[in-house]
Protein backbone atom coordinates (compact mmCIF):
# COMPACT_ATOMS: atom_id res chain seq x y z
CA MET A 1 82.38 118.19 86.26
CA VAL A 2 84.21 118.21 82.83
CA PRO A 3 85.52 121.97 81.54
CA ALA A 4 86.26 122.18 78.23
CA PHE A 5 87.29 125.27 76.36
CA ASN A 6 88.58 124.03 72.52
CA GLU A 7 88.49 120.56 73.27
CA GLU A 8 87.40 118.99 70.11
CA ALA A 9 90.12 116.71 69.76
CA ASN A 10 90.13 115.61 73.55
CA LEU A 11 86.56 115.62 75.06
CA GLU A 12 84.76 112.38 73.91
CA ASN A 13 88.14 110.63 74.89
CA THR A 14 88.09 112.45 78.28
CA VAL A 15 84.20 111.29 79.01
CA LYS A 16 85.03 107.63 77.66
CA GLU A 17 88.05 107.51 80.50
CA ILE A 18 86.03 108.59 83.24
CA LYS A 19 83.43 105.89 82.55
CA LYS A 20 85.82 103.32 82.32
CA SER A 21 86.80 103.54 85.79
CA VAL A 22 83.55 104.95 87.63
CA ASP A 23 81.40 102.23 85.74
CA GLU A 24 83.68 99.66 87.61
CA ARG A 25 83.06 101.41 91.19
CA LEU A 26 79.94 103.45 91.46
CA GLU A 27 76.34 102.89 90.86
CA THR A 28 75.15 106.09 90.64
CA TYR A 29 77.04 109.38 89.13
CA GLU A 30 76.61 112.12 86.54
CA ILE A 31 79.27 114.00 84.06
CA LEU A 32 78.55 117.76 84.27
CA ILE A 33 80.15 118.94 80.78
CA PHE A 34 80.96 122.63 80.68
CA ASP A 35 81.71 124.09 77.22
CA ASP A 36 83.36 126.95 78.17
CA GLY A 37 82.62 129.45 75.18
CA SER A 38 84.61 127.29 72.61
CA ARG A 39 85.02 128.43 69.08
CA ASP A 40 85.60 124.73 67.76
CA ARG A 41 83.31 121.93 67.79
CA THR A 42 83.58 121.41 71.18
CA GLY A 43 79.75 122.15 71.99
CA TYR A 44 78.58 119.83 69.35
CA ILE A 45 80.68 117.06 70.86
CA ALA A 46 79.38 117.86 74.50
CA ASP A 47 75.67 117.47 73.01
CA LYS A 48 76.13 114.46 71.23
CA LEU A 49 77.42 112.85 74.38
CA VAL A 50 74.42 113.59 76.38
CA LYS A 51 72.31 111.62 73.48
CA ILE A 52 74.62 108.83 73.78
CA TYR A 53 75.04 108.38 77.77
CA LYS A 54 71.95 108.90 80.18
CA ASN A 55 74.15 110.34 82.95
CA VAL A 56 76.10 113.34 81.05
CA ARG A 57 74.81 116.82 81.10
CA THR A 58 76.01 119.76 78.85
CA PHE A 59 76.23 123.41 79.82
CA HIS A 60 77.38 126.00 77.58
CA ASN A 61 78.74 129.44 78.66
CA LYS A 62 78.44 132.59 76.35
CA LYS A 63 82.21 133.48 76.83
CA ASN A 64 85.35 131.56 78.06
CA SER A 65 85.16 131.96 81.75
CA GLY A 66 87.93 129.71 83.31
CA THR A 67 87.96 126.36 84.93
CA GLY A 68 87.26 128.14 88.16
CA TYR A 69 84.09 129.42 87.15
CA CYS A 70 82.77 126.34 85.51
CA TYR A 71 83.87 124.31 88.90
CA SER A 72 81.39 126.83 91.19
CA LYS A 73 78.71 126.50 88.70
CA GLY A 74 78.97 122.59 88.50
CA LEU A 75 78.79 122.35 92.28
CA GLU A 76 75.43 124.36 92.38
CA PHE A 77 74.06 121.41 89.87
CA ALA A 78 75.60 118.54 91.74
CA LYS A 79 73.48 116.39 93.58
CA TYR A 80 75.61 113.52 94.85
CA GLU A 81 77.97 112.78 98.04
CA HIS A 82 81.30 113.47 96.41
CA TYR A 83 82.51 116.28 93.79
CA MET A 84 85.43 116.49 91.42
CA TYR A 85 86.72 117.82 88.07
CA ILE A 86 88.57 116.42 85.31
CA PRO A 87 89.85 118.32 82.72
CA GLY A 88 88.43 117.95 79.06
CA ASP A 89 92.05 117.58 77.68
CA ASN A 90 92.41 113.75 78.59
CA GLN A 91 95.51 113.90 80.44
CA PHE A 92 93.94 112.23 83.55
CA PRO A 93 94.03 108.54 82.86
CA ALA A 94 90.99 105.93 84.04
CA GLN A 95 93.70 104.41 86.12
CA ALA A 96 94.28 107.39 88.26
CA LEU A 97 90.37 108.12 88.93
CA SER A 98 90.20 104.28 90.04
CA LEU A 99 93.00 104.50 92.47
CA MET A 100 91.24 107.54 93.92
CA LEU A 101 87.69 106.06 93.83
CA GLN A 102 89.39 103.30 95.94
CA LYS A 103 90.17 106.07 98.82
CA LEU A 104 86.52 107.14 99.28
CA GLY A 105 85.65 107.13 102.92
CA SER A 106 89.06 107.39 104.03
CA ALA A 107 89.63 111.02 104.35
CA ASP A 108 87.43 114.27 103.37
CA ILE A 109 89.59 115.07 100.58
CA ILE A 110 91.47 113.11 98.43
CA ILE A 111 94.14 115.22 96.43
CA PRO A 112 95.98 113.22 93.74
CA TYR A 113 99.73 114.61 92.68
CA VAL A 114 101.45 113.82 89.33
CA LYS A 115 104.68 111.53 89.37
CA ASN A 116 105.80 111.94 85.75
CA MET A 117 106.12 115.69 85.90
CA HIS A 118 108.96 115.30 83.58
CA ILE A 119 106.64 115.16 80.47
CA ARG A 120 105.55 118.75 81.24
CA PRO A 121 107.79 121.69 79.89
CA PHE A 122 110.81 122.51 81.93
CA THR A 123 109.25 126.27 82.61
CA ARG A 124 106.21 124.83 83.45
CA ARG A 125 107.41 122.32 86.04
CA VAL A 126 109.54 125.11 87.83
CA ILE A 127 106.84 127.35 88.00
CA SER A 128 104.59 124.38 89.59
CA ALA A 129 107.34 123.58 91.89
CA VAL A 130 107.95 127.17 93.27
CA TYR A 131 103.73 127.67 93.50
CA THR A 132 103.72 124.61 95.66
CA LEU A 133 106.58 125.63 97.88
CA LEU A 134 105.39 129.38 98.57
CA ILE A 135 102.18 127.88 99.44
CA ASN A 136 103.21 125.77 101.65
CA SER A 137 105.37 127.69 103.23
CA LEU A 138 102.82 130.46 103.53
CA PHE A 139 100.13 128.38 105.16
CA GLY A 140 102.30 125.80 107.37
CA LEU A 141 101.18 122.84 104.87
CA ASN A 142 102.89 119.92 103.33
CA ILE A 143 101.07 118.88 100.08
CA ILE A 144 102.64 117.60 97.19
CA TYR A 145 100.41 119.24 94.55
CA TYR A 146 98.08 121.71 94.52
CA ASN A 147 96.59 121.91 91.06
CA ALA A 148 95.24 118.42 90.52
CA PRO A 149 91.88 116.99 90.20
CA VAL A 150 90.58 116.70 93.82
CA ILE A 151 87.68 114.87 95.06
CA HIS A 152 85.70 116.62 97.83
CA LYS A 153 82.59 115.93 100.04
CA THR A 154 80.21 118.07 98.33
CA ALA A 155 78.69 119.48 101.67
CA LEU A 156 82.12 120.49 102.77
CA LEU A 157 83.10 122.32 99.58
CA ARG A 158 80.17 124.16 99.29
CA GLY A 159 81.13 125.92 102.80
CA VAL A 160 84.13 127.18 101.35
CA ILE A 161 84.14 127.76 97.32
CA PRO A 162 85.08 131.19 96.43
CA ARG A 163 82.46 133.65 95.67
CA LYS A 164 84.67 135.32 93.05
CA ASN A 165 86.13 133.86 90.11
CA SER A 166 89.56 133.16 91.44
CA GLY A 167 91.30 131.73 88.18
CA HIS A 168 93.59 128.70 88.35
CA ALA A 169 94.06 129.42 92.39
CA TYR A 170 90.71 128.19 93.29
CA GLN A 171 91.78 124.63 94.50
CA THR A 172 94.32 126.23 96.36
CA TYR A 173 91.89 128.29 98.12
CA ILE A 174 89.73 125.67 98.68
CA LEU A 175 92.36 122.89 100.11
CA VAL A 176 94.10 125.67 102.42
CA HIS A 177 90.88 126.71 104.09
CA LEU A 178 89.53 123.26 104.37
CA ILE A 179 92.43 121.76 105.82
CA LYS A 180 93.86 124.78 107.80
CA ALA A 181 89.91 124.09 109.39
CA GLY A 182 90.68 120.57 109.83
CA ALA A 183 89.73 118.82 107.21
CA SER A 184 91.36 115.20 106.85
CA TYR A 185 93.10 114.49 103.53
CA THR A 186 95.16 111.85 101.90
CA GLU A 187 97.21 111.91 98.65
CA VAL A 188 97.11 109.71 95.69
CA GLY A 189 99.77 109.55 92.97
CA PHE A 190 99.38 109.06 89.24
CA ASN A 191 100.89 109.26 85.79
CA MET A 192 99.53 112.12 83.95
CA TYR A 193 98.82 111.39 79.72
CA GLU A 194 100.54 113.76 77.38
CA ARG A 195 98.36 116.45 75.87
CA LYS A 196 97.62 115.32 72.31
CA SER A 197 96.35 118.56 71.04
CA GLY A 198 95.95 122.17 72.37
CA GLY A 199 97.35 124.14 75.07
CA THR A 200 97.07 125.31 78.87
CA SER A 201 95.37 128.79 79.49
CA ALA A 202 97.11 129.30 82.90
CA PHE A 203 99.76 131.62 82.05
CA LYS A 204 97.35 134.09 80.44
CA ILE A 205 98.15 137.31 82.33
CA LYS A 206 94.46 137.75 83.82
CA ASN A 207 94.61 134.13 85.10
CA ILE A 208 98.11 135.10 86.82
CA LEU A 209 96.76 138.34 88.05
CA ARG A 210 93.43 136.23 89.55
CA VAL A 211 96.11 133.71 91.10
CA VAL A 212 98.01 136.32 92.57
CA ASN A 213 94.64 138.57 94.24
CA THR A 214 93.74 135.06 95.38
CA LEU A 215 96.41 134.39 97.14
CA PHE A 216 97.15 137.71 98.88
CA SER A 217 93.34 137.48 100.07
CA MET A 218 94.40 133.91 101.72
CA PHE A 219 97.39 135.13 103.42
CA TRP A 220 95.32 138.24 104.77
CA ASP A 221 92.58 135.97 106.20
CA ILE A 222 94.64 133.36 107.44
CA LYS A 223 97.85 134.72 108.47
CA ILE A 224 97.22 138.52 109.26
CA ARG A 225 93.38 138.57 110.22
CA ARG A 226 93.87 134.71 111.58
CA LYS A 227 90.14 134.27 110.68
CA LEU A 228 89.05 131.63 108.17
CA GLN A 229 86.47 132.34 106.32
CA ILE A 230 84.46 129.40 106.47
CA THR A 231 80.74 128.77 107.24
CA LYS A 232 79.60 127.93 110.57
CA ALA A 233 77.68 124.76 108.93
CA VAL A 234 81.57 123.51 107.57
CA ARG A 235 82.64 124.09 111.06
CA THR A 236 80.08 121.73 112.73
CA MET A 237 80.57 119.29 110.08
CA LEU A 238 84.58 118.88 110.67
CA SER A 239 83.94 119.18 114.64
């Protein structure tokens, strides 16, 4: 699933990077592009890619709803055994995806982490490090990085997907709940591309508030009530 908000300069190259890696390793797959209420030519480019590639589908959100929303909606349409998202900003290289695909079948979850964090602004690196330390401390985990594109088993993922829009914390919510329930995981390091155009919306006030609300909810469920919000189906599959 590729979420894209005002990514006219990056979307086509993102899809090419995905195909460069996946075409070598998988016989069947699909790319679901979500034009997330873009105000530029992103929607037009997404529709053009559908005409070029037979395994690309495009969805147009009427308004900008965020990556978490696109992630959940894409999961509704996913029809294969594994599911992941790759941002439409073309920062995730084909080589990284290839490394992850090599690990398919080795664990329930394949978690990538960024090795060249120095290419990001200092403030963002500090916030990311503090966030990771906070999550690991709160829930007794040792994950290197929570916010990169993760490969999940589709069936497991459907059992823990947040029902509310959790903003940029949605992947943290999913990882914490699945791992605490017993899901296995492996981590893969990669070097991220520098962003060529545009910027991130992660630090908008509404997104920060959603993250705080999600973390509080997770802490209440797991540490205070000590009850995972997981369906019986997921528990059965993990047992």
